């Protein structure tokens, strides 16, 4: 019996501690972030302080040599969930 919320993700997520950049695709402005969870289809990001996160953005993870176009799905003001669109 599960007492928590049902899992809605289609792909297994993996905890990470990577640093990344959110880059607005229109203004090219960058916001630093931490990548806490990563799966084949999405990511959970943590941002210190307040920030205006665009609905669609490019996520860069230099340490992993990765970049992907993403779409914001949810936020609680500190944690941000996004799915990969490319």
PDB file of N, CA and C in Angstrom:
ATOM      1  N   UNK A   1       0.845  -1.181   0.000  1.00  0.00           N
ATOM      2  CA  UNK A   1       0.000   0.000   0.000  1.00  0.00           C
ATOM      3  C   UNK A   1       0.887   1.240   0.000  1.00  0.00           C
ATOM      4  N   UNK A   2       0.631   2.168  -0.903  1.00  0.00           N
ATOM      5  CA  UNK A   2       1.395   3.403  -1.001  1.00  0.00           C
ATOM      6  C   UNK A   2       0.635   4.533  -0.316  1.00  0.00           C
ATOM      7  N   UNK A   3       1.330   5.240   0.557  1.00  0.00           N
ATOM      8  CA  UNK A   3       0.682   6.341   1.264  1.00  0.00           C
ATOM      9  C   UNK A   3       0.927   7.684   0.598  1.00  0.00           C
ATOM     10  N   UNK A   4       1.870   7.750  -0.341  1.00  0.00           N
ATOM     11  CA  UNK A   4       2.203   8.992  -1.018  1.00  0.00           C
ATOM     12  C   UNK A   4       1.356   9.206  -2.258  1.00  0.00           C
ATOM     13  N   UNK A   5       1.703  10.228  -2.992  1.00  0.00           N
ATOM     14  CA  UNK A   5       1.016  10.505  -4.247  1.00  0.00           C
ATOM     15  C   UNK A   5       1.423   9.481  -5.297  1.00  0.00           C
ATOM     16  N   UNK A   6       0.531   9.144  -6.227  1.00  0.00           N
ATOM     17  CA  UNK A   6       0.896   8.190  -7.280  1.00  0.00           C
ATOM     18  C   UNK A   6       1.964   8.793  -8.200  1.00  0.00           C
ATOM     19  N   UNK A   7       2.878   7.950  -8.652  1.00  0.00           N
ATOM     20  CA  UNK A   7       3.945   8.379  -9.563  1.00  0.00           C
ATOM     21  C   UNK A   7       3.348   8.620 -10.944  1.00  0.00           C
ATOM     22  N   UNK A   8       3.557   9.820 -11.505  1.00  0.00           N
ATOM     23  CA  UNK A   8       3.002  10.165 -12.808  1.00  0.00           C
ATOM     24  C   UNK A   8       4.063  10.190 -13.899  1.00  0.00           C
ATOM     25  N   UNK A   9       5.317  10.039 -13.542  1.00  0.00           N
ATOM     26  CA  UNK A   9       6.388  10.099 -14.531  1.00  0.00           C
ATOM     27  C   UNK A   9       6.434   8.801 -15.326  1.00  0.00           C
ATOM     28  N   UNK A  10       6.706   8.910 -16.616  1.00  0.00           N
ATOM     29  CA  UNK A  10       6.810   7.722 -17.458  1.00  0.00           C
ATOM     30  C   UNK A  10       8.237   7.180 -17.485  1.00  0.00           C
ATOM     31  N   UNK A  11       9.229   7.976 -17.080  1.00  0.00           N
ATOM     32  CA  UNK A  11      10.626   7.565 -17.083  1.00  0.00           C
ATOM     33  C   UNK A  11      11.204   7.667 -15.673  1.00  0.00           C
ATOM     34  N   UNK A  12      12.076   6.710 -15.337  1.00  0.00           N
ATOM     35  CA  UNK A  12      12.729   6.732 -14.039  1.00  0.00           C
ATOM     36  C   UNK A  12      13.595   7.981 -13.909  1.00  0.00           C
ATOM     37  N   UNK A  13      13.577   8.606 -12.734  1.00  0.00           N
ATOM     38  CA  UNK A  13      14.403   9.787 -12.515  1.00  0.00           C
ATOM     39  C   UNK A  13      15.596   9.418 -11.642  1.00  0.00           C
ATOM     40  N   UNK A  14      16.684  10.148 -11.837  1.00  0.00           N
ATOM     41  CA  UNK A  14      17.920   9.894 -11.122  1.00  0.00           C
ATOM     42  C   UNK A  14      18.363  11.165 -10.420  1.00  0.00           C
ATOM     43  N   UNK A  15      18.711  11.063  -9.141  1.00  0.00           N
ATOM     44  CA  UNK A  15      19.194  12.259  -8.428  1.00  0.00           C
ATOM     45  C   UNK A  15      20.569  12.671  -8.958  1.00  0.00           C
ATOM     46  N   UNK A  16      20.777  13.966  -9.113  1.00  0.00           N
ATOM     47  CA  UNK A  16      22.055  14.500  -9.574  1.00  0.00           C
ATOM     48  C   UNK A  16      22.403  15.725  -8.735  1.00  0.00           C
ATOM     49  N   UNK A  17      23.609  16.172  -8.850  1.00  0.00           N
ATOM     50  CA  UNK A  17      24.039  17.432  -8.234  1.00  0.00           C
ATOM     51  C   UNK A  17      24.893  18.170  -9.267  1.00  0.00           C
ATOM     52  N   UNK A  18      24.284  18.520 -10.379  1.00  0.00           N
ATOM     53  CA  UNK A  18      24.974  19.199 -11.469  1.00  0.00           C
ATOM     54  C   UNK A  18      24.586  20.673 -11.491  1.00  0.00           C
ATOM     55  N   UNK A  19      25.490  21.496 -11.939  1.00  0.00           N
ATOM     56  CA  UNK A  19      25.193  22.918 -12.112  1.00  0.00           C
ATOM     57  C   UNK A  19      24.824  23.161 -13.574  1.00  0.00           C
ATOM     58  N   UNK A  20      23.876  24.061 -13.781  1.00  0.00           N
ATOM     59  CA  UNK A  20      23.433  24.329 -15.142  1.00  0.00           C
ATOM     60  C   UNK A  20      23.044  25.778 -15.344  1.00  0.00           C
ATOM     61  N   UNK A  21      22.618  26.042 -16.564  1.00  0.00           N
ATOM     62  CA  UNK A  21      22.161  27.376 -16.953  1.00  0.00           C
ATOM     63  C   UNK A  21      20.826  27.262 -17.659  1.00  0.00           C
ATOM     64  N   UNK A  22      19.902  28.121 -17.286  1.00  0.00           N
ATOM     65  CA  UNK A  22      18.644  28.299 -18.013  1.00  0.00           C
ATOM     66  C   UNK A  22      18.869  29.486 -18.929  1.00  0.00           C
ATOM     67  N   UNK A  23      18.700  29.280 -20.218  1.00  0.00           N
ATOM     68  CA  UNK A  23      18.908  30.363 -21.180  1.00  0.00           C
ATOM     69  C   UNK A  23      17.590  30.640 -21.895  1.00  0.00           C
ATOM     70  N   UNK A  24      17.110  31.870 -21.736  1.00  0.00           N
ATOM     71  CA  UNK A  24      15.885  32.307 -22.415  1.00  0.00           C
ATOM     72  C   UNK A  24      16.146  32.272 -23.918  1.00  0.00           C
ATOM     73  N   UNK A  25      15.303  31.581 -24.665  1.00  0.00           N
ATOM     74  CA  UNK A  25      15.514  31.452 -26.109  1.00  0.00           C
ATOM     75  C   UNK A  25      15.292  32.761 -26.857  1.00  0.00           C
ATOM     76  N   UNK A  26      14.572  33.714 -26.241  1.00  0.00           N
ATOM     77  CA  UNK A  26      14.330  34.997 -26.913  1.00  0.00           C
ATOM     78  C   UNK A  26      15.372  36.038 -26.536  1.00  0.00           C
ATOM     79  N   UNK A  27      15.564  36.272 -25.253  1.00  0.00           N
ATOM     80  CA  UNK A  27      16.482  37.341 -24.832  1.00  0.00           C
ATOM     81  C   UNK A  27      17.915  36.851 -24.673  1.00  0.00           C
ATOM     82  N   UNK A  28      18.108  35.547 -24.605  1.00  0.00           N
ATOM     83  CA  UNK A  28      19.411  34.902 -24.400  1.00  0.00           C
ATOM     84  C   UNK A  28      19.963  35.149 -22.994  1.00  0.00           C
ATOM     85  N   UNK A  29      19.149  35.714 -22.078  1.00  0.00           N
ATOM     86  CA  UNK A  29      19.568  35.911 -20.685  1.00  0.00           C
ATOM     87  C   UNK A  29      19.773  34.552 -20.033  1.00  0.00           C
ATOM     88  N   UNK A  30      20.750  34.464 -19.114  1.00  0.00           N
ATOM     89  CA  UNK A  30      21.054  33.207 -18.436  1.00  0.00           C
ATOM     90  C   UNK A  30      20.779  33.308 -16.938  1.00  0.00           C
ATOM     91  N   UNK A  31      20.279  32.204 -16.384  1.00  0.00           N
ATOM     92  CA  UNK A  31      20.015  32.099 -14.948  1.00  0.00           C
ATOM     93  C   UNK A  31      20.686  30.807 -14.477  1.00  0.00           C
ATOM     94  N   UNK A  32      21.506  30.902 -13.448  1.00  0.00           N
ATOM     95  CA  UNK A  32      22.154  29.723 -12.892  1.00  0.00           C
ATOM     96  C   UNK A  32      21.167  28.842 -12.155  1.00  0.00           C
ATOM     97  N   UNK A  33      21.389  27.535 -12.210  1.00  0.00           N
ATOM     98  CA  UNK A  33      20.495  26.598 -11.535  1.00  0.00           C
ATOM     99  C   UNK A  33      21.264  25.345 -11.133  1.00  0.00           C
ATOM    100  N   UNK A  34      20.649  24.559 -10.260  1.00  0.00           N
ATOM    101  CA  UNK A  34      21.159  23.245  -9.896  1.00  0.00           C
ATOM    102  C   UNK A  34      20.201  22.204 -10.445  1.00  0.00           C
ATOM    103  N   UNK A  35      20.747  21.151 -11.026  1.00  0.00           N
ATOM    104  CA  UNK A  35      19.950  20.054 -11.573  1.00  0.00           C
ATOM    105  C   UNK A  35      19.892  18.972 -10.502  1.00  0.00           C
ATOM    106  N   UNK A  36      18.722  18.766  -9.903  1.00  0.00           N
ATOM    107  CA  UNK A  36      18.581  17.803  -8.807  1.00  0.00           C
ATOM    108  C   UNK A  36      18.102  16.447  -9.264  1.00  0.00           C
ATOM    109  N   UNK A  37      17.194  16.399 -10.205  1.00  0.00           N
ATOM    110  CA  UNK A  37      16.679  15.134 -10.733  1.00  0.00           C
ATOM    111  C   UNK A  37      16.719  15.200 -12.248  1.00  0.00           C
ATOM    112  N   UNK A  38      17.021  14.064 -12.860  1.00  0.00           N
ATOM    113  CA  UNK A  38      17.135  14.008 -14.307  1.00  0.00           C
ATOM    114  C   UNK A  38      16.568  12.684 -14.791  1.00  0.00           C
ATOM    115  N   UNK A  39      15.788  12.727 -15.857  1.00  0.00           N
ATOM    116  CA  UNK A  39      15.282  11.512 -16.493  1.00  0.00           C
ATOM    117  C   UNK A  39      15.414  11.698 -17.994  1.00  0.00           C
ATOM    118  N   UNK A  40      15.028  10.692 -18.731  1.00  0.00           N
ATOM    119  CA  UNK A  40      15.098  10.783 -20.181  1.00  0.00           C
ATOM    120  C   UNK A  40      14.126  11.835 -20.713  1.00  0.00           C
ATOM    121  N   UNK A  41      13.044  12.097 -19.981  1.00  0.00           N
ATOM    122  CA  UNK A  41      12.024  13.011 -20.495  1.00  0.00           C
ATOM    123  C   UNK A  41      11.965  14.364 -19.801  1.00  0.00           C
ATOM    124  N   UNK A  42      12.665  14.522 -18.660  1.00  0.00           N
ATOM    125  CA  UNK A  42      12.557  15.798 -17.968  1.00  0.00           C
ATOM    126  C   UNK A  42      13.573  15.981 -16.865  1.00  0.00           C
ATOM    127  N   UNK A  43      13.371  17.066 -16.109  1.00  0.00           N
ATOM    128  CA  UNK A  43      14.366  17.491 -15.134  1.00  0.00           C
ATOM    129  C   UNK A  43      13.697  18.283 -14.023  1.00  0.00           C
ATOM    130  N   UNK A  44      14.313  18.233 -12.824  1.00  0.00           N
ATOM    131  CA  UNK A  44      13.903  19.129 -11.737  1.00  0.00           C
ATOM    132  C   UNK A  44      15.085  20.040 -11.443  1.00  0.00           C
ATOM    133  N   UNK A  45      14.822  21.331 -11.474  1.00  0.00           N
ATOM    134  CA  UNK A  45      15.850  22.345 -11.261  1.00  0.00           C
ATOM    135  C   UNK A  45      15.569  23.086  -9.966  1.00  0.00           C
ATOM    136  N   UNK A  46      16.628  23.575  -9.338  1.00  0.00           N
ATOM    137  CA  UNK A  46      16.501  24.391  -8.139  1.00  0.00           C
ATOM    138  C   UNK A  46      17.234  25.698  -8.395  1.00  0.00           C
ATOM    139  N   UNK A  47      16.572  26.810  -8.075  1.00  0.00           N
ATOM    140  CA  UNK A  47      17.144  28.134  -8.287  1.00  0.00           C
ATOM    141  C   UNK A  47      17.154  28.875  -6.957  1.00  0.00           C
ATOM    142  N   UNK A  48      18.313  29.382  -6.594  1.00  0.00           N
ATOM    143  CA  UNK A  48      18.432  30.170  -5.359  1.00  0.00           C
ATOM    144  C   UNK A  48      17.894  31.571  -5.623  1.00  0.00           C
ATOM    145  N   UNK A  49      17.007  32.040  -4.775  1.00  0.00           N
ATOM    146  CA  UNK A  49      16.437  33.370  -4.962  1.00  0.00           C
ATOM    147  C   UNK A  49      15.298  33.350  -5.962  1.00  0.00           C
ATOM    148  N   UNK A  50      14.731  34.512  -6.191  1.00  0.00           N
ATOM    149  CA  UNK A  50      13.614  34.600  -7.130  1.00  0.00           C
ATOM    150  C   UNK A  50      14.127  34.869  -8.542  1.00  0.00           C
ATOM    151  N   UNK A  51      13.411  34.326  -9.515  1.00  0.00           N
ATOM    152  CA  UNK A  51      13.800  34.498 -10.914  1.00  0.00           C
ATOM    153  C   UNK A  51      12.573  34.337 -11.805  1.00  0.00           C
ATOM    154  N   UNK A  52      12.567  35.038 -12.888  1.00  0.00           N
ATOM    155  CA  UNK A  52      11.523  34.905 -13.903  1.00  0.00           C
ATOM    156  C   UNK A  52      11.975  33.831 -14.891  1.00  0.00           C
ATOM    157  N   UNK A  53      11.404  32.643 -14.771  1.00  0.00           N
ATOM    158  CA  UNK A  53      11.766  31.537 -15.644  1.00  0.00           C
ATOM    159  C   UNK A  53      10.803  31.522 -16.826  1.00  0.00           C
ATOM    160  N   UNK A  54      11.333  31.562 -18.057  1.00  0.00           N
ATOM    161  CA  UNK A  54      10.452  31.541 -19.223  1.00  0.00           C
ATOM    162  C   UNK A  54       9.757  30.191 -19.373  1.00  0.00           C
ATOM    163  N   UNK A  55       8.634  30.179 -20.052  1.00  0.00           N
ATOM    164  CA  UNK A  55       7.883  28.950 -20.284  1.00  0.00           C
ATOM    165  C   UNK A  55       8.708  27.954 -21.099  1.00  0.00           C
ATOM    166  N   UNK A  56       9.437  28.446 -22.091  1.00  0.00           N
ATOM    167  CA  UNK A  56      10.323  27.603 -22.889  1.00  0.00           C
ATOM    168  C   UNK A  56      11.729  28.158 -22.778  1.00  0.00           C
ATOM    169  N   UNK A  57      12.695  27.276 -22.577  1.00  0.00           N
ATOM    170  CA  UNK A  57      14.080  27.708 -22.422  1.00  0.00           C
ATOM    171  C   UNK A  57      15.037  26.594 -22.827  1.00  0.00           C
ATOM    172  N   UNK A  58      16.287  26.983 -23.019  1.00  0.00           N
ATOM    173  CA  UNK A  58      17.333  26.010 -23.280  1.00  0.00           C
ATOM    174  C   UNK A  58      18.048  25.745 -21.962  1.00  0.00           C
ATOM    175  N   UNK A  59      18.181  24.481 -21.616  1.00  0.00           N
ATOM    176  CA  UNK A  59      18.908  24.091 -20.418  1.00  0.00           C
ATOM    177  C   UNK A  59      20.289  23.629 -20.842  1.00  0.00           C
ATOM    178  N   UNK A  60      21.310  24.251 -20.264  1.00  0.00           N
ATOM    179  CA  UNK A  60      22.691  23.859 -20.543  1.00  0.00           C
ATOM    180  C   UNK A  60      23.277  23.247 -19.278  1.00  0.00           C
ATOM    181  N   UNK A  61      23.926  22.103 -19.408  1.00  0.00           N
ATOM    182  CA  UNK A  61      24.620  21.453 -18.302  1.00  0.00           C
ATOM    183  C   UNK A  61      26.059  21.243 -18.758  1.00  0.00           C
ATOM    184  N   UNK A  62      26.919  22.261 -18.564  1.00  0.00           N
ATOM    185  CA  UNK A  62      28.287  22.200 -19.087  1.00  0.00           C
ATOM    186  C   UNK A  62      29.083  20.986 -18.612  1.00  0.00           C
ATOM    187  N   UNK A  63      28.943  20.619 -17.341  1.00  0.00           N
ATOM    188  CA  UNK A  63      29.685  19.491 -16.779  1.00  0.00           C
ATOM    189  C   UNK A  63      29.395  18.180 -17.513  1.00  0.00           C
ATOM    190  N   UNK A  64      28.175  18.051 -18.030  1.00  0.00           N
ATOM    191  CA  UNK A  64      27.767  16.848 -18.756  1.00  0.00           C
ATOM    192  C   UNK A  64      27.888  17.040 -20.264  1.00  0.00           C
ATOM    193  N   UNK A  65      28.244  18.249 -20.701  1.00  0.00           N
ATOM    194  CA  UNK A  65      28.325  18.526 -22.135  1.00  0.00           C
ATOM    195  C   UNK A  65      26.977  18.394 -22.813  1.00  0.00           C
ATOM    196  N   UNK A  66      25.920  18.809 -22.115  1.00  0.00           N
ATOM    197  CA  UNK A  66      24.566  18.616 -22.627  1.00  0.00           C
ATOM    198  C   UNK A  66      23.803  19.927 -22.712  1.00  0.00           C
ATOM    199  N   UNK A  67      22.892  19.982 -23.662  1.00  0.00           N
ATOM    200  CA  UNK A  67      21.966  21.108 -23.811  1.00  0.00           C
ATOM    201  C   UNK A  67      20.684  20.564 -24.425  1.00  0.00           C
ATOM    202  N   UNK A  68      19.547  21.109 -23.989  1.00  0.00           N
ATOM    203  CA  UNK A  68      18.266  20.666 -24.519  1.00  0.00           C
ATOM    204  C   UNK A  68      17.247  21.785 -24.413  1.00  0.00           C
ATOM    205  N   UNK A  69      16.323  21.803 -25.331  1.00  0.00           N
ATOM    206  CA  UNK A  69      15.196  22.722 -25.263  1.00  0.00           C
ATOM    207  C   UNK A  69      14.176  22.105 -24.319  1.00  0.00           C
ATOM    208  N   UNK A  70      13.645  22.923 -23.404  1.00  0.00           N
ATOM    209  CA  UNK A  70      12.733  22.425 -22.390  1.00  0.00           C
ATOM    210  C   UNK A  70      11.505  23.322 -22.269  1.00  0.00           C
ATOM    211  N   UNK A  71      10.486  22.769 -21.643  1.00  0.00           N
ATOM    212  CA  UNK A  71       9.247  23.513 -21.384  1.00  0.00           C
ATOM    213  C   UNK A  71       8.905  23.356 -19.915  1.00  0.00           C
ATOM    214  N   UNK A  72       8.680  24.473 -19.242  1.00  0.00           N
ATOM    215  CA  UNK A  72       8.330  24.485 -17.826  1.00  0.00           C
ATOM    216  C   UNK A  72       6.971  23.824 -17.622  1.00  0.00           C
ATOM    217  N   UNK A  73       6.891  22.915 -16.646  1.00  0.00           N
ATOM    218  CA  UNK A  73       5.655  22.196 -16.362  1.00  0.00           C
ATOM    219  C   UNK A  73       5.065  22.620 -15.022  1.00  0.00           C
ATOM    220  N   UNK A  74       5.926  22.813 -14.007  1.00  0.00           N
ATOM    221  CA  UNK A  74       5.443  23.191 -12.680  1.00  0.00           C
ATOM    222  C   UNK A  74       6.538  23.940 -11.931  1.00  0.00           C
ATOM    223  N   UNK A  75       6.124  24.662 -10.897  1.00  0.00           N
ATOM    224  CA  UNK A  75       7.071  25.318 -10.005  1.00  0.00           C
ATOM    225  C   UNK A  75       6.420  25.558  -8.655  1.00  0.00           C
ATOM    226  N   UNK A  76       7.258  25.605  -7.628  1.00  0.00           N
ATOM    227  CA  UNK A  76       6.783  26.028  -6.319  1.00  0.00           C
ATOM    228  C   UNK A  76       7.512  27.306  -5.892  1.00  0.00           C
ATOM    229  N   UNK A  77       8.223  27.925  -6.834  1.00  0.00           N
ATOM    230  CA  UNK A  77       8.950  29.158  -6.562  1.00  0.00           C
ATOM    231  C   UNK A  77      10.431  28.950  -6.321  1.00  0.00           C
ATOM    232  N   UNK A  78      10.839  27.739  -5.971  1.00  0.00           N
ATOM    233  CA  UNK A  78      12.247  27.389  -5.786  1.00  0.00           C
ATOM    234  C   UNK A  78      12.625  26.208  -6.665  1.00  0.00           C
ATOM    235  N   UNK A  79      11.749  25.224  -6.727  1.00  0.00           N
ATOM    236  CA  UNK A  79      11.949  24.033  -7.559  1.00  0.00           C
ATOM    237  C   UNK A  79      11.139  24.211  -8.840  1.00  0.00           C
ATOM    238  N   UNK A  80      11.712  23.756  -9.953  1.00  0.00           N
ATOM    239  CA  UNK A  80      11.080  23.909 -11.254  1.00  0.00           C
ATOM    240  C   UNK A  80      11.139  22.577 -11.984  1.00  0.00           C
ATOM    241  N   UNK A  81      10.001  22.080 -12.431  1.00  0.00           N
ATOM    242  CA  UNK A  81       9.959  20.859 -13.218  1.00  0.00           C
ATOM    243  C   UNK A  81       9.762  21.211 -14.670  1.00  0.00           C
ATOM    244  N   UNK A  82      10.540  20.574 -15.532  1.00  0.00           N
ATOM    245  CA  UNK A  82      10.431  20.843 -16.968  1.00  0.00           C
ATOM    246  C   UNK A  82      10.574  19.550 -17.754  1.00  0.00           C
ATOM    247  N   UNK A  83       9.964  19.503 -18.919  1.00  0.00           N
ATOM    248  CA  UNK A  83      10.104  18.345 -19.788  1.00  0.00           C
ATOM    249  C   UNK A  83      10.923  18.751 -21.005  1.00  0.00           C
ATOM    250  N   UNK A  84      11.665  17.802 -21.515  1.00  0.00           N
ATOM    251  CA  UNK A  84      12.482  18.058 -22.692  1.00  0.00           C
ATOM    252  C   UNK A  84      11.607  18.050 -23.936  1.00  0.00           C
ATOM    253  N   UNK A  85      11.821  19.026 -24.802  1.00  0.00           N
ATOM    254  CA  UNK A  85      11.070  19.090 -26.055  1.00  0.00           C
ATOM    255  C   UNK A  85      11.965  18.833 -27.252  1.00  0.00           C
ATOM    256  N   UNK A  86      13.271  18.707 -27.020  1.00  0.00           N
ATOM    257  CA  UNK A  86      14.194  18.371 -28.121  1.00  0.00           C
ATOM    258  C   UNK A  86      15.179  17.331 -27.668  1.00  0.00           C
TER     259      UNK A  86
END
